[in-house]
Amino acid sequence: MTWPDFLKGIADHHSGIANYFYTGIGKNLQRLEANITEAVLLKMTGMQQPCLPLHDSFITYETLGEELPLLMEQIARDHGLKSAPVKEAYTSKYDGPTGFVSMDIETALDELRERD
């Protein structure tokens, strides 16, 4: 298969959005996603709650499982999106400390090392 044939195959398979290929809109969407991610992380940091970005998701305490999606939706709307359906993808039990983060990372790691 030649490169042009490969690209045509992609365009044919994604015909519903093919007219947006090579327009630069992908870069705009990546910037928008980065801005939303940054705003979520800054908000969670301001709340003194740990939150780790993971691709198009966030990891935080299970106790924030209802609050985080609402926060994400609000921030997406604040960035001009009409809707941003957010759902909880995974949960797992965590038996470590919860609540506000009031120590630096080295202290937290030291405590976890001592416990384990």
PDB file of N, CA and C in Angstrom:
ATOM      1  N   MET A   1       0.862  -1.177   0.000  1.00  0.00           N
ATOM      2  CA  MET A   1       0.000   0.000   0.000  1.00  0.00           C
ATOM      3  C   MET A   1       0.904   1.235   0.000  1.00  0.00           C
ATOM      4  N   THR A   2       0.573   2.174  -0.815  1.00  0.00           N
ATOM      5  CA  THR A   2       1.348   3.421  -0.859  1.00  0.00           C
ATOM      6  C   THR A   2       0.859   4.354   0.245  1.00  0.00           C
ATOM      7  N   TRP A   3       1.687   5.340   0.550  1.00  0.00           N
ATOM      8  CA  TRP A   3       1.314   6.326   1.575  1.00  0.00           C
ATOM      9  C   TRP A   3       0.033   7.066   1.192  1.00  0.00           C
ATOM     10  N   PRO A   4      -0.101   7.548  -0.046  1.00  0.00           N
ATOM     11  CA  PRO A   4      -1.362   8.207  -0.420  1.00  0.00           C
ATOM     12  C   PRO A   4      -2.577   7.280  -0.290  1.00  0.00           C
ATOM     13  N   ASP A   5      -2.406   5.987  -0.628  1.00  0.00           N
ATOM     14  CA  ASP A   5      -3.511   5.038  -0.465  1.00  0.00           C
ATOM     15  C   ASP A   5      -3.879   4.873   1.013  1.00  0.00           C
ATOM     16  N   PHE A   6      -2.855   4.833   1.849  1.00  0.00           N
ATOM     17  CA  PHE A   6      -3.081   4.719   3.289  1.00  0.00           C
ATOM     18  C   PHE A   6      -3.867   5.925   3.805  1.00  0.00           C
ATOM     19  N   LEU A   7      -3.439   7.121   3.417  1.00  0.00           N
ATOM     20  CA  LEU A   7      -4.134   8.337   3.857  1.00  0.00           C
ATOM     21  C   LEU A   7      -5.562   8.381   3.331  1.00  0.00           C
ATOM     22  N   LYS A   8      -5.768   7.951   2.099  1.00  0.00           N
ATOM     23  CA  LYS A   8      -7.130   7.908   1.544  1.00  0.00           C
ATOM     24  C   LYS A   8      -7.984   6.925   2.334  1.00  0.00           C
ATOM     25  N   GLY A   9      -7.406   5.801   2.736  1.00  0.00           N
ATOM     26  CA  GLY A   9      -8.140   4.823   3.528  1.00  0.00           C
ATOM     27  C   GLY A   9      -8.592   5.407   4.864  1.00  0.00           C
ATOM     28  N   ILE A  10      -7.710   6.180   5.492  1.00  0.00           N
ATOM     29  CA  ILE A  10      -8.074   6.830   6.755  1.00  0.00           C
ATOM     30  C   ILE A  10      -9.206   7.823   6.528  1.00  0.00           C
ATOM     31  N   ALA A  11      -9.075   8.642   5.469  1.00  0.00           N
ATOM     32  CA  ALA A  11     -10.112   9.634   5.169  1.00  0.00           C
ATOM     33  C   ALA A  11     -11.443   8.954   4.845  1.00  0.00           C
ATOM     34  N   ASP A  12     -11.385   7.862   4.103  1.00  0.00           N
ATOM     35  CA  ASP A  12     -12.620   7.142   3.770  1.00  0.00           C
ATOM     36  C   ASP A  12     -13.268   6.563   5.025  1.00  0.00           C
ATOM     37  N   HIS A  13     -12.453   5.992   5.892  1.00  0.00           N
ATOM     38  CA  HIS A  13     -12.983   5.382   7.114  1.00  0.00           C
ATOM     39  C   HIS A  13     -13.593   6.428   8.052  1.00  0.00           C
ATOM     40  N   HIS A  14     -13.012   7.622   8.054  1.00  0.00           N
ATOM     41  CA  HIS A  14     -13.479   8.715   8.923  1.00  0.00           C
ATOM     42  C   HIS A  14     -14.138   9.810   8.085  1.00  0.00           C
ATOM     43  N   SER A  15     -14.955   9.404   7.151  1.00  0.00           N
ATOM     44  CA  SER A  15     -15.541  10.363   6.204  1.00  0.00           C
ATOM     45  C   SER A  15     -16.346  11.468   6.889  1.00  0.00           C
ATOM     46  N   GLY A  16     -16.896  11.182   8.052  1.00  0.00           N
ATOM     47  CA  GLY A  16     -17.690  12.191   8.756  1.00  0.00           C
ATOM     48  C   GLY A  16     -16.902  13.396   9.231  1.00  0.00           C
ATOM     49  N   ILE A  17     -15.608  13.224   9.402  1.00  0.00           N
ATOM     50  CA  ILE A  17     -14.767  14.327   9.873  1.00  0.00           C
ATOM     51  C   ILE A  17     -13.596  14.612   8.927  1.00  0.00           C
ATOM     52  N   ALA A  18     -13.548  13.917   7.806  1.00  0.00           N
ATOM     53  CA  ALA A  18     -12.414  14.034   6.887  1.00  0.00           C
ATOM     54  C   ALA A  18     -12.211  15.456   6.374  1.00  0.00           C
ATOM     55  N   ASN A  19     -13.282  16.223   6.290  1.00  0.00           N
ATOM     56  CA  ASN A  19     -13.130  17.600   5.800  1.00  0.00           C
ATOM     57  C   ASN A  19     -12.344  18.483   6.778  1.00  0.00           C
ATOM     58  N   TYR A  20     -12.135  18.007   8.004  1.00  0.00           N
ATOM     59  CA  TYR A  20     -11.346  18.763   8.985  1.00  0.00           C
ATOM     60  C   TYR A  20      -9.870  18.378   8.973  1.00  0.00           C
ATOM     61  N   PHE A  21      -9.527  17.295   8.279  1.00  0.00           N
ATOM     62  CA  PHE A  21      -8.127  16.876   8.210  1.00  0.00           C
ATOM     63  C   PHE A  21      -7.307  17.975   7.538  1.00  0.00           C
ATOM     64  N   TYR A  22      -6.105  18.189   8.031  1.00  0.00           N
ATOM     65  CA  TYR A  22      -5.132  19.146   7.480  1.00  0.00           C
ATOM     66  C   TYR A  22      -5.587  20.596   7.596  1.00  0.00           C
ATOM     67  N   THR A  23      -6.503  20.889   8.505  1.00  0.00           N
ATOM     68  CA  THR A  23      -6.964  22.266   8.694  1.00  0.00           C
ATOM     69  C   THR A  23      -6.323  22.936   9.903  1.00  0.00           C
ATOM     70  N   GLY A  24      -5.679  22.136  10.763  1.00  0.00           N
ATOM     71  CA  GLY A  24      -5.104  22.679  11.984  1.00  0.00           C
ATOM     72  C   GLY A  24      -6.042  22.613  13.173  1.00  0.00           C
ATOM     73  N   ILE A  25      -7.270  22.161  12.948  1.00  0.00           N
ATOM     74  CA  ILE A  25      -8.225  22.119  14.051  1.00  0.00           C
ATOM     75  C   ILE A  25      -7.771  21.152  15.146  1.00  0.00           C
ATOM     76  N   GLY A  26      -7.042  20.115  14.782  1.00  0.00           N
ATOM     77  CA  GLY A  26      -6.537  19.170  15.781  1.00  0.00           C
ATOM     78  C   GLY A  26      -5.643  19.852  16.793  1.00  0.00           C
ATOM     79  N   LYS A  27      -4.792  20.763  16.316  1.00  0.00           N
ATOM     80  CA  LYS A  27      -3.923  21.518  17.229  1.00  0.00           C
ATOM     81  C   LYS A  27      -4.752  22.400  18.149  1.00  0.00           C
ATOM     82  N   ASN A  28      -5.803  22.976  17.611  1.00  0.00           N
ATOM     83  CA  ASN A  28      -6.686  23.811  18.441  1.00  0.00           C
ATOM     84  C   ASN A  28      -7.369  22.973  19.514  1.00  0.00           C
ATOM     85  N   LEU A  29      -7.801  21.772  19.147  1.00  0.00           N
ATOM     86  CA  LEU A  29      -8.449  20.895  20.119  1.00  0.00           C
ATOM     87  C   LEU A  29      -7.460  20.419  21.178  1.00  0.00           C
ATOM     88  N   GLN A  30      -6.223  20.146  20.760  1.00  0.00           N
ATOM     89  CA  GLN A  30      -5.205  19.754  21.739  1.00  0.00           C
ATOM     90  C   GLN A  30      -4.933  20.897  22.718  1.00  0.00           C
ATOM     91  N   ARG A  31      -4.889  22.125  22.230  1.00  0.00           N
ATOM     92  CA  ARG A  31      -4.672  23.287  23.099  1.00  0.00           C
ATOM     93  C   ARG A  31      -5.834  23.442  24.064  1.00  0.00           C
ATOM     94  N   LEU A  32      -7.055  23.287  23.561  1.00  0.00           N
ATOM     95  CA  LEU A  32      -8.238  23.389  24.415  1.00  0.00           C
ATOM     96  C   LEU A  32      -8.191  22.326  25.511  1.00  0.00           C
ATOM     97  N   GLU A  33      -7.867  21.096  25.148  1.00  0.00           N
ATOM     98  CA  GLU A  33      -7.780  20.033  26.140  1.00  0.00           C
ATOM     99  C   GLU A  33      -6.703  20.331  27.178  1.00  0.00           C
ATOM    100  N   ALA A  34      -5.562  20.864  26.728  1.00  0.00           N
ATOM    101  CA  ALA A  34      -4.492  21.213  27.661  1.00  0.00           C
ATOM    102  C   ALA A  34      -4.937  22.318  28.615  1.00  0.00           C
ATOM    103  N   ASN A  35      -5.661  23.307  28.101  1.00  0.00           N
ATOM    104  CA  ASN A  35      -6.142  24.403  28.946  1.00  0.00           C
ATOM    105  C   ASN A  35      -7.151  23.901  29.976  1.00  0.00           C
ATOM    106  N   ILE A  36      -8.027  23.005  29.561  1.00  0.00           N
ATOM    107  CA  ILE A  36      -9.004  22.437  30.489  1.00  0.00           C
ATOM    108  C   ILE A  36      -8.294  21.608  31.554  1.00  0.00           C
ATOM    109  N   THR A  37      -7.344  20.795  31.135  1.00  0.00           N
ATOM    110  CA  THR A  37      -6.572  19.979  32.077  1.00  0.00           C
ATOM    111  C   THR A  37      -5.859  20.857  33.089  1.00  0.00           C
ATOM    112  N   GLU A  38      -5.226  21.911  32.612  1.00  0.00           N
ATOM    113  CA  GLU A  38      -4.520  22.825  33.515  1.00  0.00           C
ATOM    114  C   GLU A  38      -5.488  23.446  34.518  1.00  0.00           C
ATOM    115  N   ALA A  39      -6.642  23.874  34.053  1.00  0.00           N
ATOM    116  CA  ALA A  39      -7.624  24.503  34.941  1.00  0.00           C
ATOM    117  C   ALA A  39      -8.126  23.520  36.001  1.00  0.00           C
ATOM    118  N   VAL A  40      -8.343  22.263  35.608  1.00  0.00           N
ATOM    119  CA  VAL A  40      -8.776  21.254  36.583  1.00  0.00           C
ATOM    120  C   VAL A  40      -7.685  21.058  37.631  1.00  0.00           C
ATOM    121  N   LEU A  41      -6.443  20.916  37.191  1.00  0.00           N
ATOM    122  CA  LEU A  41      -5.346  20.693  38.131  1.00  0.00           C
ATOM    123  C   LEU A  41      -5.150  21.884  39.065  1.00  0.00           C
ATOM    124  N   LEU A  42      -5.264  23.090  38.530  1.00  0.00           N
ATOM    125  CA  LEU A  42      -5.124  24.282  39.369  1.00  0.00           C
ATOM    126  C   LEU A  42      -6.256  24.370  40.394  1.00  0.00           C
ATOM    127  N   LYS A  43      -7.468  24.036  39.981  1.00  0.00           N
ATOM    128  CA  LYS A  43      -8.605  24.065  40.903  1.00  0.00           C
ATOM    129  C   LYS A  43      -8.411  23.030  42.012  1.00  0.00           C
ATOM    130  N   MET A  44      -8.014  21.818  41.633  1.00  0.00           N
ATOM    131  CA  MET A  44      -7.800  20.774  42.636  1.00  0.00           C
ATOM    132  C   MET A  44      -6.648  21.147  43.568  1.00  0.00           C
ATOM    133  N   THR A  45      -5.600  21.732  43.025  1.00  0.00           N
ATOM    134  CA  THR A  45      -4.477  22.186  43.850  1.00  0.00           C
ATOM    135  C   THR A  45      -4.943  23.260  44.820  1.00  0.00           C
ATOM    136  N   GLY A  46      -5.775  24.185  44.333  1.00  0.00           N
ATOM    137  CA  GLY A  46      -6.323  25.225  45.201  1.00  0.00           C
ATOM    138  C   GLY A  46      -7.181  24.657  46.311  1.00  0.00           C
ATOM    139  N   MET A  47      -7.786  23.507  46.063  1.00  0.00           N
ATOM    140  CA  MET A  47      -8.600  22.827  47.079  1.00  0.00           C
ATOM    141  C   MET A  47      -7.723  21.938  47.961  1.00  0.00           C
ATOM    142  N   GLN A  48      -6.432  21.928  47.706  1.00  0.00           N
ATOM    143  CA  GLN A  48      -5.461  21.079  48.411  1.00  0.00           C
ATOM    144  C   GLN A  48      -5.798  19.597  48.278  1.00  0.00           C
ATOM    145  N   GLN A  49      -6.248  19.224  47.104  1.00  0.00           N
ATOM    146  CA  GLN A  49      -6.580  17.831  46.827  1.00  0.00           C
ATOM    147  C   GLN A  49      -5.647  17.310  45.739  1.00  0.00           C
ATOM    148  N   PRO A  50      -5.069  16.134  45.937  1.00  0.00           N
ATOM    149  CA  PRO A  50      -4.191  15.578  44.907  1.00  0.00           C
ATOM    150  C   PRO A  50      -4.994  15.144  43.687  1.00  0.00           C
ATOM    151  N   CYS A  51      -4.418  15.363  42.535  1.00  0.00           N
ATOM    152  CA  CYS A  51      -5.080  15.003  41.292  1.00  0.00           C
ATOM    153  C   CYS A  51      -3.998  14.808  40.237  1.00  0.00           C
ATOM    154  N   LEU A  52      -3.959  13.638  39.671  1.00  0.00           N
ATOM    155  CA  LEU A  52      -2.957  13.332  38.650  1.00  0.00           C
ATOM    156  C   LEU A  52      -3.623  13.196  37.292  1.00  0.00           C
ATOM    157  N   PRO A  53      -3.102  13.889  36.273  1.00  0.00           N
ATOM    158  CA  PRO A  53      -3.653  13.708  34.934  1.00  0.00           C
ATOM    159  C   PRO A  53      -3.122  12.412  34.336  1.00  0.00           C
ATOM    160  N   LEU A  54      -3.978  11.719  33.619  1.00  0.00           N
ATOM    161  CA  LEU A  54      -3.586  10.491  32.938  1.00  0.00           C
ATOM    162  C   LEU A  54      -4.318  10.457  31.604  1.00  0.00           C
ATOM    163  N   HIS A  55      -3.614  10.810  30.540  1.00  0.00           N
ATOM    164  CA  HIS A  55      -4.175  10.899  29.193  1.00  0.00           C
ATOM    165  C   HIS A  55      -5.384  11.831  29.213  1.00  0.00           C
ATOM    166  N   ASP A  56      -6.586  11.321  29.083  1.00  0.00           N
ATOM    167  CA  ASP A  56      -7.763  12.190  29.100  1.00  0.00           C
ATOM    168  C   ASP A  56      -8.582  11.980  30.368  1.00  0.00           C
ATOM    169  N   SER A  57      -7.884  11.598  31.436  1.00  0.00           N
ATOM    170  CA  SER A  57      -8.548  11.303  32.705  1.00  0.00           C
ATOM    171  C   SER A  57      -7.775  11.935  33.853  1.00  0.00           C
ATOM    172  N   PHE A  58      -8.340  11.794  35.031  1.00  0.00           N
ATOM    173  CA  PHE A  58      -7.679  12.254  36.243  1.00  0.00           C
ATOM    174  C   PHE A  58      -7.796  11.170  37.307  1.00  0.00           C
ATOM    175  N   ILE A  59      -6.801  11.100  38.141  1.00  0.00           N
ATOM    176  CA  ILE A  59      -6.816  10.180  39.272  1.00  0.00           C
ATOM    177  C   ILE A  59      -6.826  11.005  40.540  1.00  0.00           C
ATOM    178  N   THR A  60      -7.767  10.705  41.420  1.00  0.00           N
ATOM    179  CA  THR A  60      -7.838  11.382  42.706  1.00  0.00           C
ATOM    180  C   THR A  60      -8.502  10.444  43.703  1.00  0.00           C
ATOM    181  N   TYR A  61      -8.739  10.914  44.894  1.00  0.00           N
ATOM    182  CA  TYR A  61      -9.386  10.101  45.912  1.00  0.00           C
ATOM    183  C   TYR A  61     -10.787   9.694  45.475  1.00  0.00           C
ATOM    184  N   GLU A  62     -11.187   8.509  45.884  1.00  0.00           N
ATOM    185  CA  GLU A  62     -12.527   8.016  45.589  1.00  0.00           C
ATOM    186  C   GLU A  62     -13.585   8.944  46.188  1.00  0.00           C
ATOM    187  N   THR A  63     -13.268   9.585  47.298  1.00  0.00           N
ATOM    188  CA  THR A  63     -14.228  10.485  47.950  1.00  0.00           C
ATOM    189  C   THR A  63     -14.559  11.699  47.081  1.00  0.00           C
ATOM    190  N   LEU A  64     -13.730  11.974  46.080  1.00  0.00           N
ATOM    191  CA  LEU A  64     -13.999  13.087  45.170  1.00  0.00           C
ATOM    192  C   LEU A  64     -14.620  12.597  43.863  1.00  0.00           C
ATOM    193  N   GLY A  65     -15.056  11.345  43.857  1.00  0.00           N
ATOM    194  CA  GLY A  65     -15.590  10.727  42.647  1.00  0.00           C
ATOM    195  C   GLY A  65     -16.816  11.402  42.075  1.00  0.00           C
ATOM    196  N   GLU A  66     -17.581  12.053  42.897  1.00  0.00           N
ATOM    197  CA  GLU A  66     -18.753  12.784  42.396  1.00  0.00           C
ATOM    198  C   GLU A  66     -18.413  14.233  42.092  1.00  0.00           C
ATOM    199  N   GLU A  67     -17.511  14.809  42.856  1.00  0.00           N
ATOM    200  CA  GLU A  67     -17.171  16.224  42.696  1.00  0.00           C
ATOM    201  C   GLU A  67     -16.303  16.477  41.466  1.00  0.00           C
ATOM    202  N   LEU A  68     -15.333  15.611  41.217  1.00  0.00           N
ATOM    203  CA  LEU A  68     -14.410  15.841  40.102  1.00  0.00           C
ATOM    204  C   LEU A  68     -15.113  15.892  38.748  1.00  0.00           C
ATOM    205  N   PRO A  69     -16.011  14.967  38.411  1.00  0.00           N
ATOM    206  CA  PRO A  69     -16.691  15.081  37.118  1.00  0.00           C
ATOM    207  C   PRO A  69     -17.487  16.369  36.968  1.00  0.00           C
ATOM    208  N   LEU A  70     -18.139  16.813  38.040  1.00  0.00           N
ATOM    209  CA  LEU A  70     -18.882  18.079  37.979  1.00  0.00           C
ATOM    210  C   LEU A  70     -17.933  19.247  37.738  1.00  0.00           C
ATOM    211  N   LEU A  71     -16.798  19.211  38.408  1.00  0.00           N
ATOM    212  CA  LEU A  71     -15.783  20.253  38.225  1.00  0.00           C
ATOM    213  C   LEU A  71     -15.271  20.248  36.786  1.00  0.00           C
ATOM    214  N   MET A  72     -15.000  19.068  36.255  1.00  0.00           N
ATOM    215  CA  MET A  72     -14.514  18.960  34.883  1.00  0.00           C
ATOM    216  C   MET A  72     -15.537  19.510  33.888  1.00  0.00           C
ATOM    217  N   GLU A  73     -16.798  19.167  34.083  1.00  0.00           N
ATOM    218  CA  GLU A  73     -17.852  19.660  33.196  1.00  0.00           C
ATOM    219  C   GLU A  73     -17.960  21.181  33.257  1.00  0.00           C
ATOM    220  N   GLN A  74     -17.889  21.746  34.474  1.00  0.00           N
ATOM    221  CA  GLN A  74     -17.996  23.195  34.618  1.00  0.00           C
ATOM    222  C   GLN A  74     -16.817  23.896  33.941  1.00  0.00           C
ATOM    223  N   ILE A  75     -15.639  23.378  34.132  1.00  0.00           N
ATOM    224  CA  ILE A  75     -14.455  23.994  33.520  1.00  0.00           C
ATOM    225  C   ILE A  75     -14.529  23.884  31.998  1.00  0.00           C
ATOM    226  N   ALA A  76     -15.019  22.767  31.486  1.00  0.00           N
ATOM    227  CA  ALA A  76     -15.183  22.627  30.037  1.00  0.00           C
ATOM    228  C   ALA A  76     -16.158  23.677  29.510  1.00  0.00           C
ATOM    229  N   ARG A  77     -17.257  23.888  30.231  1.00  0.00           N
ATOM    230  CA  ARG A  77     -18.213  24.936  29.827  1.00  0.00           C
ATOM    231  C   ARG A  77     -17.571  26.315  29.911  1.00  0.00           C
ATOM    232  N   ASP A  78     -16.766  26.538  30.947  1.00  0.00           N
ATOM    233  CA  ASP A  78     -16.075  27.817  31.082  1.00  0.00           C
ATOM    234  C   ASP A  78     -15.133  28.073  29.911  1.00  0.00           C
ATOM    235  N   HIS A  79     -14.691  27.002  29.266  1.00  0.00           N
ATOM    236  CA  HIS A  79     -13.792  27.120  28.112  1.00  0.00           C
ATOM    237  C   HIS A  79     -14.549  27.076  26.782  1.00  0.00           C
ATOM    238  N   GLY A  80     -15.860  27.236  26.844  1.00  0.00           N
ATOM    239  CA  GLY A  80     -16.644  27.390  25.628  1.00  0.00           C
ATOM    240  C   GLY A  80     -17.309  26.142  25.080  1.00  0.00           C
ATOM    241  N   LEU A  81     -17.186  25.018  25.745  1.00  0.00           N
ATOM    242  CA  LEU A  81     -17.867  23.816  25.276  1.00  0.00           C
ATOM    243  C   LEU A  81     -19.306  23.819  25.757  1.00  0.00           C
ATOM    244  N   LYS A  82     -20.217  23.431  24.899  1.00  0.00           N
ATOM    245  CA  LYS A  82     -21.627  23.384  25.291  1.00  0.00           C
ATOM    246  C   LYS A  82     -21.899  22.216  26.219  1.00  0.00           C
ATOM    247  N   SER A  83     -21.236  21.115  25.968  1.00  0.00           N
ATOM    248  CA  SER A  83     -21.386  19.961  26.843  1.00  0.00           C
ATOM    249  C   SER A  83     -20.078  19.185  26.849  1.00  0.00           C
ATOM    250  N   ALA A  84     -19.862  18.513  27.927  1.00  0.00           N
ATOM    251  CA  ALA A  84     -18.665  17.687  28.069  1.00  0.00           C
ATOM    252  C   ALA A  84     -19.036  16.504  28.943  1.00  0.00           C
ATOM    253  N   PRO A  85     -19.620  15.482  28.329  1.00  0.00           N
ATOM    254  CA  PRO A  85     -20.031  14.337  29.142  1.00  0.00           C
ATOM    255  C   PRO A  85     -18.825  13.683  29.806  1.00  0.00           C
ATOM    256  N   VAL A  86     -18.890  13.603  31.110  1.00  0.00           N
ATOM    257  CA  VAL A  86     -17.800  13.044  31.901  1.00  0.00           C
ATOM    258  C   VAL A  86     -18.366  11.877  32.678  1.00  0.00           C
ATOM    259  N   LYS A  87     -17.620  10.808  32.748  1.00  0.00           N
ATOM    260  CA  LYS A  87     -18.080   9.666  33.521  1.00  0.00           C
ATOM    261  C   LYS A  87     -16.921   9.087  34.315  1.00  0.00           C
ATOM    262  N   GLU A  88     -17.279   8.378  35.357  1.00  0.00           N
ATOM    263  CA  GLU A  88     -16.277   7.690  36.156  1.00  0.00           C
ATOM    264  C   GLU A  88     -15.910   6.421  35.415  1.00  0.00           C
ATOM    265  N   ALA A  89     -14.635   6.274  35.105  1.00  0.00           N
ATOM    266  CA  ALA A  89     -14.215   5.119  34.328  1.00  0.00           C
ATOM    267  C   ALA A  89     -13.837   3.944  35.218  1.00  0.00           C
ATOM    268  N   TYR A  90     -13.073   4.202  36.241  1.00  0.00           N
ATOM    269  CA  TYR A  90     -12.577   3.136  37.088  1.00  0.00           C
ATOM    270  C   TYR A  90     -12.571   3.592  38.541  1.00  0.00           C
ATOM    271  N   THR A  91     -12.718   2.672  39.415  1.00  0.00           N
ATOM    272  CA  THR A  91     -12.501   2.952  40.826  1.00  0.00           C
ATOM    273  C   THR A  91     -11.705   1.798  41.405  1.00  0.00           C
ATOM    274  N   SER A  92     -10.985   2.100  42.419  1.00  0.00           N
ATOM    275  CA  SER A  92     -10.306   1.046  43.165  1.00  0.00           C
ATOM    276  C   SER A  92     -10.183   1.513  44.599  1.00  0.00           C
ATOM    277  N   LYS A  93     -10.075   0.591  45.471  1.00  0.00           N
ATOM    278  CA  LYS A  93      -9.961   0.938  46.888  1.00  0.00           C
ATOM    279  C   LYS A  93      -8.534   1.374  47.180  1.00  0.00           C
ATOM    280  N   TYR A  94      -8.415   2.396  47.970  1.00  0.00           N
ATOM    281  CA  TYR A  94      -7.125   2.958  48.358  1.00  0.00           C
ATOM    282  C   TYR A  94      -7.088   2.990  49.872  1.00  0.00           C
ATOM    283  N   ASP A  95      -6.088   2.374  50.472  1.00  0.00           N
ATOM    284  CA  ASP A  95      -6.066   2.308  51.934  1.00  0.00           C
ATOM    285  C   ASP A  95      -5.064   3.277  52.553  1.00  0.00           C
ATOM    286  N   GLY A  96      -4.633   4.233  51.770  1.00  0.00           N
ATOM    287  CA  GLY A  96      -3.682   5.217  52.285  1.00  0.00           C
ATOM    288  C   GLY A  96      -4.384   6.419  52.872  1.00  0.00           C
ATOM    289  N   PRO A  97      -3.634   7.460  53.148  1.00  0.00           N
ATOM    290  CA  PRO A  97      -4.225   8.669  53.737  1.00  0.00           C
ATOM    291  C   PRO A  97      -5.167   9.350  52.751  1.00  0.00           C
ATOM    292  N   THR A  98      -6.166  10.012  53.290  1.00  0.00           N
ATOM    293  CA  THR A  98      -7.100  10.774  52.463  1.00  0.00           C
ATOM    294  C   THR A  98      -7.242  12.166  53.060  1.00  0.00           C
ATOM    295  N   GLY A  99      -7.911  13.015  52.323  1.00  0.00           N
ATOM    296  CA  GLY A  99      -8.172  14.361  52.829  1.00  0.00           C
ATOM    297  C   GLY A  99      -7.213  15.371  52.243  1.00  0.00           C
ATOM    298  N   PHE A 100      -7.088  16.491  52.901  1.00  0.00           N
ATOM    299  CA  PHE A 100      -6.253  17.569  52.403  1.00  0.00           C
ATOM    300  C   PHE A 100      -4.783  17.185  52.422  1.00  0.00           C
ATOM    301  N   VAL A 101      -4.077  17.694  51.446  1.00  0.00           N
ATOM    302  CA  VAL A 101      -2.638  17.460  51.366  1.00  0.00           C
ATOM    303  C   VAL A 101      -1.957  18.581  52.132  1.00  0.00           C
ATOM    304  N   SER A 102      -1.277  18.234  53.194  1.00  0.00           N
ATOM    305  CA  SER A 102      -0.657  19.270  54.024  1.00  0.00           C
ATOM    306  C   SER A 102       0.827  19.016  54.234  1.00  0.00           C
ATOM    307  N   MET A 103       1.393  18.099  53.474  1.00  0.00           N
ATOM    308  CA  MET A 103       2.821  17.816  53.631  1.00  0.00           C
ATOM    309  C   MET A 103       3.472  17.785  52.257  1.00  0.00           C
ATOM    310  N   ASP A 104       4.782  17.966  52.259  1.00  0.00           N
ATOM    311  CA  ASP A 104       5.481  17.906  50.984  1.00  0.00           C
ATOM    312  C   ASP A 104       5.593  16.450  50.550  1.00  0.00           C
ATOM    313  N   ILE A 105       5.904  16.244  49.295  1.00  0.00           N
ATOM    314  CA  ILE A 105       5.904  14.908  48.726  1.00  0.00           C
ATOM    315  C   ILE A 105       6.929  13.992  49.393  1.00  0.00           C
ATOM    316  N   GLU A 106       8.084  14.498  49.765  1.00  0.00           N
ATOM    317  CA  GLU A 106       9.103  13.649  50.400  1.00  0.00           C
ATOM    318  C   GLU A 106       8.617  13.120  51.745  1.00  0.00           C
ATOM    319  N   THR A 107       7.951  13.962  52.515  1.00  0.00           N
ATOM    320  CA  THR A 107       7.409  13.519  53.797  1.00  0.00           C
ATOM    321  C   THR A 107       6.344  12.448  53.585  1.00  0.00           C
ATOM    322  N   ALA A 108       5.476  12.662  52.612  1.00  0.00           N
ATOM    323  CA  ALA A 108       4.428  11.676  52.316  1.00  0.00           C
ATOM    324  C   ALA A 108       5.048  10.350  51.891  1.00  0.00           C
ATOM    325  N   LEU A 109       6.056  10.403  51.028  1.00  0.00           N
ATOM    326  CA  LEU A 109       6.716   9.169  50.587  1.00  0.00           C
ATOM    327  C   LEU A 109       7.421   8.471  51.743  1.00  0.00           C
ATOM    328  N   ASP A 110       8.050   9.250  52.612  1.00  0.00           N
ATOM    329  CA  ASP A 110       8.711   8.654  53.778  1.00  0.00           C
ATOM    330  C   ASP A 110       7.699   7.916  54.653  1.00  0.00           C
ATOM    331  N   GLU A 111       6.527   8.528  54.870  1.00  0.00           N
ATOM    332  CA  GLU A 111       5.495   7.883  55.680  1.00  0.00           C
ATOM    333  C   GLU A 111       5.011   6.587  55.035  1.00  0.00           C
ATOM    334  N   LEU A 112       4.840   6.597  53.727  1.00  0.00           N
ATOM    335  CA  LEU A 112       4.415   5.382  53.045  1.00  0.00           C
ATOM    336  C   LEU A 112       5.477   4.296  53.093  1.00  0.00           C
ATOM    337  N   ARG A 113       6.741   4.685  52.973  1.00  0.00           N
ATOM    338  CA  ARG A 113       7.838   3.714  53.069  1.00  0.00           C
ATOM    339  C   ARG A 113       7.865   3.081  54.447  1.00  0.00           C
ATOM    340  N   GLU A 114       7.701   3.899  55.482  1.00  0.00           N
ATOM    341  CA  GLU A 114       7.714   3.381  56.858  1.00  0.00           C
ATOM    342  C   GLU A 114       6.549   2.427  57.076  1.00  0.00           C
ATOM    343  N   ARG A 115       5.380   2.747  56.560  1.00  0.00           N
ATOM    344  CA  ARG A 115       4.209   1.910  56.745  1.00  0.00           C
ATOM    345  C   ARG A 115       4.353   0.568  56.034  1.00  0.00           C
ATOM    346  N   ASP A 116       4.915   0.590  54.855  1.00  0.00           N
ATOM    347  CA  ASP A 116       5.036  -0.646  54.059  1.00  0.00           C
ATOM    348  C   ASP A 116       6.319  -1.353  54.382  1.00  0.00           C
TER     349      ASP A 116
END
